[in-house]
Amino acid sequence: MLNTNAHLGAKIFTDEVPKAPTRDGFGLGTIEVAKTNSRVIVLCADLTESTRAEWFQKEFPERFIEMGIAEQNMAAFAAGMALAGKIPYIASYAAFSPGRNYEQIRTTIALNHVPVKVCGMHAGVSVGPDGATHQMLEDIGMMRMLPGMTVLVPGDAEEARKAVIAAAAIDGPVYIRFGRAATPVFTTAETPFQVGEALTLFESETPQIAILSTGTQSYASLEAARALSRDGIESVVLHVPTIKPLDTEAVLGVARRAGRILTVEEHQVAGGFGSAVAEFLAENHPVPMRRIGIADQFGQSGEPEQLLAHYGLDASHIEEVARTFARAL
């Protein structure tokens, strides 16, 4: 029997799921949180339209700062503004922030533990035709290694909006990862979201495998789980929008119930979400585990759907790996 989260079921199991890029959640979330928190400001590195920072700029022009193509300056400037009492959100492509300004994020933001919210847009291979230079695949690993850094990877545009709002209340640095391509919006305004908590999207009574996913790959994982259930392979899908701090209680729970773990992420396999799960389980509850992600490669130019399929991140490949893994042990 399949148990589905009541807030999600109506959207998950229908062919008419609306789509929107998670970056839309940044634009909507910053406006919403700024209406109730006068300390919130937004800085952008010459990419206002692409990042949706222009939505905030139009609503709060006096609280928006265009830094130009100067990501290092943007990070250091934001740290100073935070030390002066502001809550800055800094927006650029993830390839440039944290890709280009990692040292400034490390030294001026993380080391000082100031509440700067680093918003990395257009992450992952689903950026598409922009190609390898703009397809940031290492950011989760880079940011989760920084002491005191909270790392959020929302599953859809609605959850991204909530993550942006929640970040303002965190007394310290936060990294939020966003995508460019329109992806299924499978959560609703009523779907629970709490920093540090995972969400069970569905679960069979006696799961044979647990699929742990983050970001927009959670919807593909749901599709894979549906296909598995039709063939009698029972599973649980745990959506993990907070990579750090990891919801270790939820991870431990599904590992104990299912006995084997499959992680899914649009990121390098090394150092990312799957690594965080593996590190925790290796020390606390070792179980057989597989990781799906980018296998020590850079991206390439192509349409988002083509690239996700090429790198084995589409639902059919997740299903195939899960099916083989569940039956092999």
Protein backbone atom coordinates (compact mmCIF):
# COMPACT_ATOMS: atom_id res chain seq x y z
CA MET A 1 0.00 0.00 0.00
CA LEU A 2 1.25 3.48 -0.85
CA ASN A 3 1.07 6.29 1.68
CA THR A 4 1.36 9.75 0.16
CA ASN A 5 1.86 13.06 1.95
CA ALA A 6 -1.59 14.65 2.04
CA HIS A 7 -0.29 18.04 0.98
CA LEU A 8 1.49 16.62 -2.06
CA GLY A 9 -0.63 13.80 -3.41
CA ALA A 10 -2.95 15.87 -5.58
CA LYS A 11 -0.04 17.19 -7.59
CA ILE A 12 2.33 14.25 -7.51
CA PHE A 13 -0.03 11.75 -9.05
CA THR A 14 -1.38 13.74 -11.96
CA ASP A 15 -0.08 14.38 -15.44
CA GLU A 16 -0.96 18.08 -15.15
CA VAL A 17 1.78 19.30 -12.87
CA PRO A 18 2.59 23.00 -13.39
CA LYS A 19 6.19 23.97 -14.08
CA ALA A 20 8.33 26.92 -13.04
CA PRO A 21 12.07 27.44 -12.52
CA THR A 22 13.20 27.40 -8.91
CA ARG A 23 14.82 30.82 -9.49
CA ASP A 24 11.27 32.23 -9.54
CA GLY A 25 11.12 31.32 -5.87
CA PHE A 26 14.08 33.62 -5.25
CA GLY A 27 12.31 36.60 -6.80
CA LEU A 28 9.05 35.95 -4.98
CA GLY A 29 10.66 35.01 -1.68
CA THR A 30 12.91 38.04 -1.38
CA ILE A 31 9.99 40.39 -2.00
CA GLU A 32 7.83 38.59 0.55
CA VAL A 33 10.45 38.53 3.29
CA ALA A 34 11.46 42.15 2.65
CA LYS A 35 7.91 43.30 3.32
CA THR A 36 8.18 42.15 6.91
CA ASN A 37 11.92 42.56 7.50
CA SER A 38 13.46 45.95 6.76
CA ARG A 39 16.99 44.55 7.14
CA VAL A 40 16.70 42.50 3.93
CA ILE A 41 18.61 43.80 0.90
CA VAL A 42 19.53 42.22 -2.43
CA LEU A 43 22.81 42.51 -4.33
CA CYS A 44 23.32 41.23 -7.86
CA ALA A 45 26.30 40.85 -10.19
CA ASP A 46 24.90 42.17 -13.48
CA LEU A 47 22.38 39.33 -13.88
CA THR A 48 19.19 40.87 -12.55
CA GLU A 49 16.85 39.43 -15.19
CA SER A 50 18.28 35.91 -15.22
CA THR A 51 18.37 35.60 -11.44
CA ARG A 52 14.93 37.21 -10.93
CA ALA A 53 16.60 39.88 -8.79
CA GLU A 54 14.90 42.44 -11.00
CA TRP A 55 11.59 41.53 -9.35
CA PHE A 56 13.00 42.72 -6.03
CA GLN A 57 14.65 45.73 -7.67
CA LYS A 58 11.30 46.95 -9.02
CA GLU A 59 9.58 46.48 -5.65
CA PHE A 60 12.38 47.83 -3.43
CA PRO A 61 14.75 49.94 -5.58
CA GLU A 62 16.22 51.64 -2.53
CA ARG A 63 17.21 48.24 -1.07
CA PHE A 64 18.77 46.83 -4.23
CA ILE A 65 22.45 47.20 -5.17
CA GLU A 66 23.83 46.38 -8.62
CA MET A 67 27.46 45.36 -8.13
CA GLY A 68 28.33 44.79 -11.78
CA ILE A 69 30.48 41.88 -12.94
CA ALA A 70 32.37 41.74 -9.65
CA GLU A 71 31.34 38.69 -7.64
CA GLN A 72 34.33 38.92 -5.27
CA ASN A 73 33.47 42.51 -4.40
CA MET A 74 29.82 41.56 -4.01
CA ALA A 75 30.63 38.91 -1.37
CA ALA A 76 32.97 41.18 0.59
CA PHE A 77 30.59 44.15 0.36
CA ALA A 78 27.70 41.97 1.55
CA ALA A 79 29.76 40.81 4.52
CA GLY A 80 30.31 44.44 5.50
CA MET A 81 26.62 45.21 5.13
CA ALA A 82 25.80 42.21 7.32
CA LEU A 83 28.23 43.40 9.98
CA ALA A 84 26.36 46.73 9.86
CA GLY A 85 23.05 44.99 10.60
CA LYS A 86 21.64 44.13 7.18
CA ILE A 87 20.57 40.70 5.84
CA PRO A 88 22.02 40.63 2.31
CA TYR A 89 20.99 38.16 -0.37
CA ILE A 90 23.65 38.01 -3.09
CA ALA A 91 22.61 36.64 -6.48
CA SER A 92 24.60 35.40 -9.45
CA TYR A 93 25.06 32.21 -11.43
CA ALA A 94 26.39 29.45 -9.20
CA ALA A 95 29.36 29.11 -11.56
CA PHE A 96 30.37 32.62 -10.48
CA SER A 97 29.05 32.69 -6.91
CA PRO A 98 30.31 30.56 -5.21
CA GLY A 99 32.44 29.48 -8.16
CA ARG A 100 34.41 32.67 -8.69
CA ASN A 101 34.23 34.23 -5.25
CA TYR A 102 34.73 31.21 -3.00
CA GLU A 103 37.67 32.77 -1.14
CA GLN A 104 35.65 35.88 -0.29
CA ILE A 105 32.67 33.77 0.81
CA ARG A 106 34.98 31.69 2.98
CA THR A 107 36.96 34.52 4.54
CA THR A 108 34.60 37.47 4.77
CA ILE A 109 31.25 35.69 5.15
CA ALA A 110 31.72 32.21 6.67
CA LEU A 111 34.73 32.99 8.86
CA ASN A 112 32.91 35.98 10.36
CA HIS A 113 29.65 33.99 10.54
CA VAL A 114 27.59 36.85 9.17
CA PRO A 115 24.02 36.40 7.84
CA VAL A 116 24.74 36.71 4.12
CA LYS A 117 22.52 34.51 1.96
CA VAL A 118 24.48 33.28 -1.08
CA CYS A 119 22.04 32.47 -3.88
CA GLY A 120 23.58 30.36 -6.66
CA MET A 121 21.44 30.39 -9.80
CA HIS A 122 21.47 28.22 -12.93
CA ALA A 123 23.16 25.33 -11.11
CA GLY A 124 23.42 21.83 -12.57
CA VAL A 125 23.47 20.49 -16.11
CA SER A 126 19.86 21.55 -16.71
CA VAL A 127 21.14 25.05 -17.51
CA GLY A 128 21.26 23.48 -20.98
CA PRO A 129 22.89 25.21 -23.95
CA ASP A 130 25.07 27.43 -21.73
CA GLY A 131 27.45 24.48 -21.54
CA ALA A 132 30.12 23.25 -19.17
CA THR A 133 31.47 26.65 -18.12
CA HIS A 134 28.10 27.66 -16.67
CA GLN A 135 26.93 24.25 -15.40
CA MET A 136 28.03 24.39 -11.79
CA LEU A 137 28.27 20.84 -10.43
CA GLU A 138 30.57 21.29 -7.43
CA ASP A 139 28.81 23.96 -5.36
CA ILE A 140 27.10 21.74 -2.79
CA GLY A 141 30.42 20.17 -1.86
CA MET A 142 32.19 23.54 -1.73
CA MET A 143 29.60 25.14 0.48
CA ARG A 144 28.81 22.29 2.85
CA MET A 145 32.48 22.10 3.82
CA LEU A 146 32.43 25.65 5.18
CA PRO A 147 31.95 25.74 8.96
CA GLY A 148 28.60 27.19 9.99
CA MET A 149 27.18 27.31 6.46
CA THR A 150 23.57 26.16 6.02
CA VAL A 151 23.01 24.56 2.58
CA LEU A 152 19.53 24.45 1.02
CA VAL A 153 18.54 22.83 -2.28
CA PRO A 154 14.79 23.39 -2.86
CA GLY A 155 12.78 20.87 -4.86
CA ASP A 156 10.58 23.30 -6.77
CA ALA A 157 9.74 26.99 -7.13
CA GLU A 158 7.27 26.97 -4.23
CA GLU A 159 9.73 25.37 -1.86
CA ALA A 160 12.42 27.77 -3.10
CA ARG A 161 10.20 30.68 -2.06
CA LYS A 162 9.89 29.18 1.41
CA ALA A 163 13.62 28.54 1.63
CA VAL A 164 14.41 32.15 0.79
CA ILE A 165 12.03 33.38 3.49
CA ALA A 166 13.33 30.88 6.06
CA ALA A 167 16.95 31.86 5.36
CA ALA A 168 16.39 35.37 6.70
CA ALA A 169 15.75 33.97 10.18
CA ILE A 170 19.03 32.01 10.26
CA ASP A 171 21.70 33.84 12.25
CA GLY A 172 24.55 32.92 9.96
CA PRO A 173 25.51 32.30 6.34
CA VAL A 174 23.25 30.31 4.03
CA TYR A 175 23.75 28.90 0.55
CA ILE A 176 20.62 28.32 -1.55
CA ARG A 177 20.85 26.52 -4.89
CA PHE A 178 18.49 27.39 -7.76
CA GLY A 179 17.93 26.12 -11.30
CA ARG A 180 17.18 27.80 -14.60
CA ALA A 181 14.89 25.33 -16.37
CA ALA A 182 11.18 25.12 -15.59
CA THR A 183 10.58 22.03 -13.47
CA PRO A 184 7.48 20.45 -11.89
CA VAL A 185 5.99 22.35 -8.95
CA PHE A 186 4.99 19.35 -6.87
CA THR A 187 4.57 21.04 -3.49
CA THR A 188 1.91 23.52 -2.42
CA ALA A 189 1.74 26.52 -0.12
CA GLU A 190 0.51 24.13 2.60
CA THR A 191 3.35 21.61 2.21
CA PRO A 192 5.52 21.69 5.34
CA PHE A 193 8.98 23.24 5.02
CA GLN A 194 11.44 23.58 7.84
CA VAL A 195 15.19 24.11 7.55
CA GLY A 196 16.91 20.91 8.66
CA GLU A 197 13.92 18.65 8.01
CA ALA A 198 13.43 16.12 5.22
CA LEU A 199 10.02 15.28 3.78
CA THR A 200 8.69 11.80 3.06
CA LEU A 201 6.95 12.10 -0.30
CA PHE A 202 5.64 8.57 -0.29
CA GLU A 203 6.29 5.25 1.35
CA SER A 204 5.18 1.66 0.87
CA GLU A 205 4.30 -0.41 3.90
CA THR A 206 7.44 -2.55 3.61
CA PRO A 207 9.96 -0.60 1.51
CA GLN A 208 12.74 -2.59 -0.12
CA ILE A 209 14.75 0.48 -1.02
CA ALA A 210 14.90 4.11 0.09
CA ILE A 211 15.42 6.77 -2.58
CA LEU A 212 16.85 9.93 -1.04
CA SER A 213 16.86 12.89 -3.38
CA THR A 214 17.47 16.62 -3.28
CA GLY A 215 16.51 19.56 -5.45
CA THR A 216 14.43 19.10 -8.55
CA GLN A 217 15.54 15.46 -8.83
CA SER A 218 12.98 14.59 -6.19
CA TYR A 219 10.17 14.71 -8.74
CA ALA A 220 12.06 12.34 -11.05
CA SER A 221 12.59 10.08 -8.03
CA LEU A 222 8.84 10.08 -7.41
CA GLU A 223 8.18 9.09 -11.00
CA ALA A 224 10.70 6.28 -10.65
CA ALA A 225 9.06 5.08 -7.44
CA ARG A 226 5.66 4.99 -9.14
CA ALA A 227 7.04 2.77 -11.88
CA LEU A 228 8.71 0.49 -9.33
CA SER A 229 5.47 0.10 -7.39
CA ARG A 230 3.66 -1.09 -10.50
CA ASP A 231 6.16 -3.95 -10.66
CA GLY A 232 5.81 -4.82 -7.00
CA ILE A 233 9.03 -3.16 -5.83
CA GLU A 234 8.20 -1.20 -2.71
CA SER A 235 10.10 1.95 -1.83
CA VAL A 236 10.20 5.15 0.18
CA VAL A 237 11.11 8.53 -1.32
CA LEU A 238 12.67 11.03 1.06
CA HIS A 239 13.06 14.57 -0.26
CA VAL A 240 15.98 16.32 1.44
CA PRO A 241 15.99 20.08 0.75
CA THR A 242 18.48 20.78 3.55
CA ILE A 243 21.89 19.27 2.89
CA LYS A 244 23.41 20.94 5.95
CA PRO A 245 22.32 20.44 8.65
CA LEU A 246 21.28 17.03 7.40
CA ASP A 247 18.11 15.52 8.85
CA THR A 248 19.99 12.60 10.35
CA GLU A 249 16.92 11.27 12.17
CA ALA A 250 14.98 10.93 8.91
CA VAL A 251 17.95 9.43 7.07
CA LEU A 252 18.54 6.93 9.84
CA GLY A 253 14.85 6.06 9.91
CA VAL A 254 14.57 5.17 6.22
CA ALA A 255 17.90 3.32 6.31
CA ARG A 256 16.57 1.12 9.10
CA ARG A 257 13.22 0.55 7.41
CA ALA A 258 14.43 -0.12 3.88
CA GLY A 259 17.89 -1.54 4.49
CA ARG A 260 19.42 0.03 1.39
CA ILE A 261 19.84 3.59 0.18
CA LEU A 262 19.91 5.21 -3.26
CA THR A 263 20.74 8.93 -3.42
CA VAL A 264 19.97 11.21 -6.38
CA GLU A 265 21.38 14.68 -7.11
CA GLU A 266 22.16 16.97 -10.05
CA HIS A 267 25.72 17.45 -8.80
CA GLN A 268 29.06 15.67 -8.80
CA VAL A 269 28.76 12.34 -7.01
CA ALA A 270 31.94 13.19 -5.12
CA GLY A 271 31.44 15.56 -2.21
CA GLY A 272 27.76 16.37 -2.64
CA PHE A 273 24.47 15.24 -1.14
CA GLY A 274 25.14 11.51 -1.53
CA SER A 275 28.49 11.93 0.14
CA ALA A 276 26.85 13.68 3.11
CA VAL A 277 24.42 10.77 3.50
CA ALA A 278 27.19 8.19 3.10
CA GLU A 279 29.40 9.90 5.67
CA PHE A 280 26.63 9.89 8.25
CA LEU A 281 25.50 6.30 7.64
CA ALA A 282 29.06 4.92 7.56
CA GLU A 283 29.54 6.07 11.13
CA ASN A 284 26.06 5.41 12.47
CA HIS A 285 24.20 2.70 10.53
CA PRO A 286 26.09 1.24 7.55
CA VAL A 287 23.80 -0.14 4.84
CA PRO A 288 24.30 -1.00 1.15
CA MET A 289 24.23 2.25 -0.81
CA ARG A 290 24.35 3.58 -4.37
CA ARG A 291 24.68 7.20 -5.53
CA ILE A 292 23.31 8.74 -8.72
CA GLY A 293 24.82 12.01 -9.90
CA ILE A 294 27.44 13.34 -12.27
CA ALA A 295 30.28 10.81 -12.34
CA ASP A 296 33.51 12.82 -12.38
CA GLN A 297 32.62 14.72 -15.54
CA PHE A 298 31.95 18.27 -16.64
CA GLY A 299 28.72 19.21 -18.36
CA GLN A 300 28.14 19.99 -22.01
CA SER A 301 25.78 21.96 -24.20
CA GLY A 302 22.33 20.55 -24.88
CA GLU A 303 18.67 20.84 -23.98
CA PRO A 304 17.92 20.25 -20.28
CA GLU A 305 15.94 17.05 -20.87
CA GLN A 306 18.66 15.64 -23.12
CA LEU A 307 21.38 16.37 -20.61
CA LEU A 308 19.48 14.90 -17.67
CA ALA A 309 18.93 11.72 -19.67
CA HIS A 310 22.54 11.63 -20.87
CA TYR A 311 23.90 11.84 -17.33
CA GLY A 312 21.41 9.31 -15.96
CA LEU A 313 19.33 11.77 -13.96
CA ASP A 314 15.95 11.14 -15.57
CA ALA A 315 13.22 9.03 -14.00
CA SER A 316 13.81 6.01 -16.24
CA HIS A 317 17.46 5.71 -15.23
CA ILE A 318 16.69 6.21 -11.54
CA GLU A 319 14.08 3.45 -11.87
CA GLU A 320 16.55 1.15 -13.61
CA VAL A 321 19.24 1.61 -10.97
CA ALA A 322 16.76 1.23 -8.11
CA ARG A 323 15.23 -1.89 -9.65
CA THR A 324 18.61 -3.59 -10.10
CA PHE A 325 19.78 -2.52 -6.65
CA ALA A 326 16.60 -3.73 -4.92
CA ARG A 327 16.79 -7.15 -6.57
CA ALA A 328 20.53 -7.67 -6.24
CA LEU A 329 20.64 -7.98 -2.48
